[in-house]
Amino acid sequence: MFFAWLLYKLVFEFIIPVYRSTKAVRKQMNDIQQHMRQQYEEQQSAHNYGQGQSSQGQAPKPPKRDDYIDFEEIK
C-alpha cells in the first residue's frame, strides 16, 4: 500500500507537472521563434523595398558611373 501511494505521489506531483511545464516552455519557444522569423522577413522585405526592389522580383538598377571614385595607390 505504501508503494502504491508513493507511486501515485511521484506520478501526479512530479512527472505530470514536469511534463506540462516542459510542454509549455516548448510552446513558448516555438512562438518566440515564429515571432522572430516574422520580424526577420519583414525587415528583409523592408530592406529590399528600400533598395528599389519590389515584391515582383525586378532587379535593382545598376549604379551610375558618377558614383564611383577612382582608386590610386599611394606609396
C-alpha atoms as a PDB file:
ATOM      1  CA  MET A   1       0.000   0.000   0.000  1.00  0.00           C
ATOM      2  CA  PHE A   2       2.881   2.352   0.827  1.00  0.00           C
ATOM      3  CA  PHE A   3       4.491   1.787  -2.576  1.00  0.00           C
ATOM      4  CA  ALA A   4       1.195   2.462  -4.379  1.00  0.00           C
ATOM      5  CA  TRP A   5       0.868   5.774  -2.511  1.00  0.00           C
ATOM      6  CA  LEU A   6       4.492   6.618  -3.275  1.00  0.00           C
ATOM      7  CA  LEU A   7       3.985   5.814  -6.967  1.00  0.00           C
ATOM      8  CA  TYR A   8       0.810   7.926  -7.018  1.00  0.00           C
ATOM      9  CA  LYS A   9       2.642  10.890  -5.458  1.00  0.00           C
ATOM     10  CA  LEU A  10       5.544  10.501  -7.865  1.00  0.00           C
ATOM     11  CA  VAL A  11       3.330  10.423 -10.936  1.00  0.00           C
ATOM     12  CA  PHE A  12       0.833  13.146 -10.022  1.00  0.00           C
ATOM     13  CA  GLU A  13       3.108  15.529  -8.126  1.00  0.00           C
ATOM     14  CA  PHE A  14       6.317  15.209 -10.134  1.00  0.00           C
ATOM     15  CA  ILE A  15       6.076  13.554 -13.551  1.00  0.00           C
ATOM     16  CA  ILE A  16       2.852  15.193 -14.785  1.00  0.00           C
ATOM     17  CA  PRO A  17       3.809  18.747 -13.661  1.00  0.00           C
ATOM     18  CA  VAL A  18       7.257  18.384 -15.242  1.00  0.00           C
ATOM     19  CA  TYR A  19       5.655  17.173 -18.484  1.00  0.00           C
ATOM     20  CA  ARG A  20       3.197  20.085 -18.530  1.00  0.00           C
ATOM     21  CA  SER A  21       5.841  22.695 -17.815  1.00  0.00           C
ATOM     22  CA  THR A  22       8.147  21.246 -20.474  1.00  0.00           C
ATOM     23  CA  LYS A  23       5.300  21.350 -22.974  1.00  0.00           C
ATOM     24  CA  ALA A  24       4.530  24.988 -22.065  1.00  0.00           C
ATOM     25  CA  VAL A  25       8.181  26.024 -22.407  1.00  0.00           C
ATOM     26  CA  ARG A  26       8.442  24.359 -25.823  1.00  0.00           C
ATOM     27  CA  LYS A  27       5.301  26.157 -26.988  1.00  0.00           C
ATOM     28  CA  GLN A  28       6.677  29.491 -25.787  1.00  0.00           C
ATOM     29  CA  MET A  29       9.996  28.864 -27.550  1.00  0.00           C
ATOM     30  CA  ASN A  30       8.193  27.989 -30.795  1.00  0.00           C
ATOM     31  CA  ASP A  31       6.093  31.156 -30.500  1.00  0.00           C
ATOM     32  CA  ILE A  32       9.223  33.245 -29.942  1.00  0.00           C
ATOM     33  CA  GLN A  33      10.978  31.642 -32.922  1.00  0.00           C
ATOM     34  CA  GLN A  34       7.962  32.247 -35.134  1.00  0.00           C
ATOM     35  CA  HIS A  35       7.777  35.880 -33.999  1.00  0.00           C
ATOM     36  CA  MET A  36      11.496  36.395 -34.656  1.00  0.00           C
ATOM     37  CA  ARG A  37      11.159  34.767 -38.095  1.00  0.00           C
ATOM     38  CA  GLN A  38       8.286  37.121 -38.970  1.00  0.00           C
ATOM     39  CA  GLN A  39      10.297  40.146 -37.837  1.00  0.00           C
ATOM     40  CA  TYR A  40      13.279  38.995 -39.897  1.00  0.00           C
ATOM     41  CA  GLU A  41      11.139  38.520 -43.008  1.00  0.00           C
ATOM     42  CA  GLU A  42       9.509  41.927 -42.537  1.00  0.00           C
ATOM     43  CA  GLN A  43      12.917  43.512 -42.054  1.00  0.00           C
ATOM     44  CA  GLN A  44      14.259  41.830 -45.188  1.00  0.00           C
ATOM     45  CA  SER A  45      11.273  42.887 -47.274  1.00  0.00           C
ATOM     46  CA  ALA A  46      11.572  46.470 -45.973  1.00  0.00           C
ATOM     47  CA  HIS A  47      15.303  46.425 -46.695  1.00  0.00           C
ATOM     48  CA  ASN A  48      14.736  45.131 -50.232  1.00  0.00           C
ATOM     49  CA  TYR A  49      11.986  47.694 -50.782  1.00  0.00           C
ATOM     50  CA  GLY A  50      14.361  50.456 -49.685  1.00  0.00           C
ATOM     51  CA  GLN A  51      16.900  49.361 -52.284  1.00  0.00           C
ATOM     52  CA  GLY A  52      14.439  49.676 -55.135  1.00  0.00           C
ATOM     53  CA  GLN A  53      13.496  46.031 -55.331  1.00  0.00           C
ATOM     54  CA  SER A  54       9.832  45.266 -55.486  1.00  0.00           C
ATOM     55  CA  SER A  55       7.979  42.171 -54.440  1.00  0.00           C
ATOM     56  CA  GLN A  56       7.552  41.361 -58.148  1.00  0.00           C
ATOM     57  CA  GLY A  57      11.220  40.364 -58.394  1.00  0.00           C
ATOM     58  CA  GLN A  58      12.538  43.248 -60.501  1.00  0.00           C
ATOM     59  CA  ALA A  59      16.301  43.661 -60.406  1.00  0.00           C
ATOM     60  CA  PRO A  60      17.689  46.925 -58.973  1.00  0.00           C
ATOM     61  CA  LYS A  61      19.068  49.485 -61.381  1.00  0.00           C
ATOM     62  CA  PRO A  62      22.860  49.488 -61.688  1.00  0.00           C
ATOM     63  CA  PRO A  63      24.564  52.486 -60.045  1.00  0.00           C
ATOM     64  CA  LYS A  64      25.601  55.442 -62.180  1.00  0.00           C
ATOM     65  CA  ARG A  65      29.205  55.759 -63.286  1.00  0.00           C
ATOM     66  CA  ASP A  66      29.434  59.094 -61.407  1.00  0.00           C
ATOM     67  CA  ASP A  67      29.006  57.274 -58.097  1.00  0.00           C
ATOM     68  CA  TYR A  68      32.484  55.747 -58.232  1.00  0.00           C
ATOM     69  CA  ILE A  69      35.783  57.350 -57.224  1.00  0.00           C
ATOM     70  CA  ASP A  70      38.960  56.172 -58.893  1.00  0.00           C
ATOM     71  CA  PHE A  71      41.393  54.425 -56.609  1.00  0.00           C
ATOM     72  CA  GLU A  72      45.023  55.486 -56.643  1.00  0.00           C
ATOM     73  CA  GLU A  73      47.636  53.705 -54.624  1.00  0.00           C
ATOM     74  CA  ILE A  74      49.868  55.952 -52.549  1.00  0.00           C
ATOM     75  CA  LYS A  75      53.427  54.828 -51.918  1.00  0.00           C
END
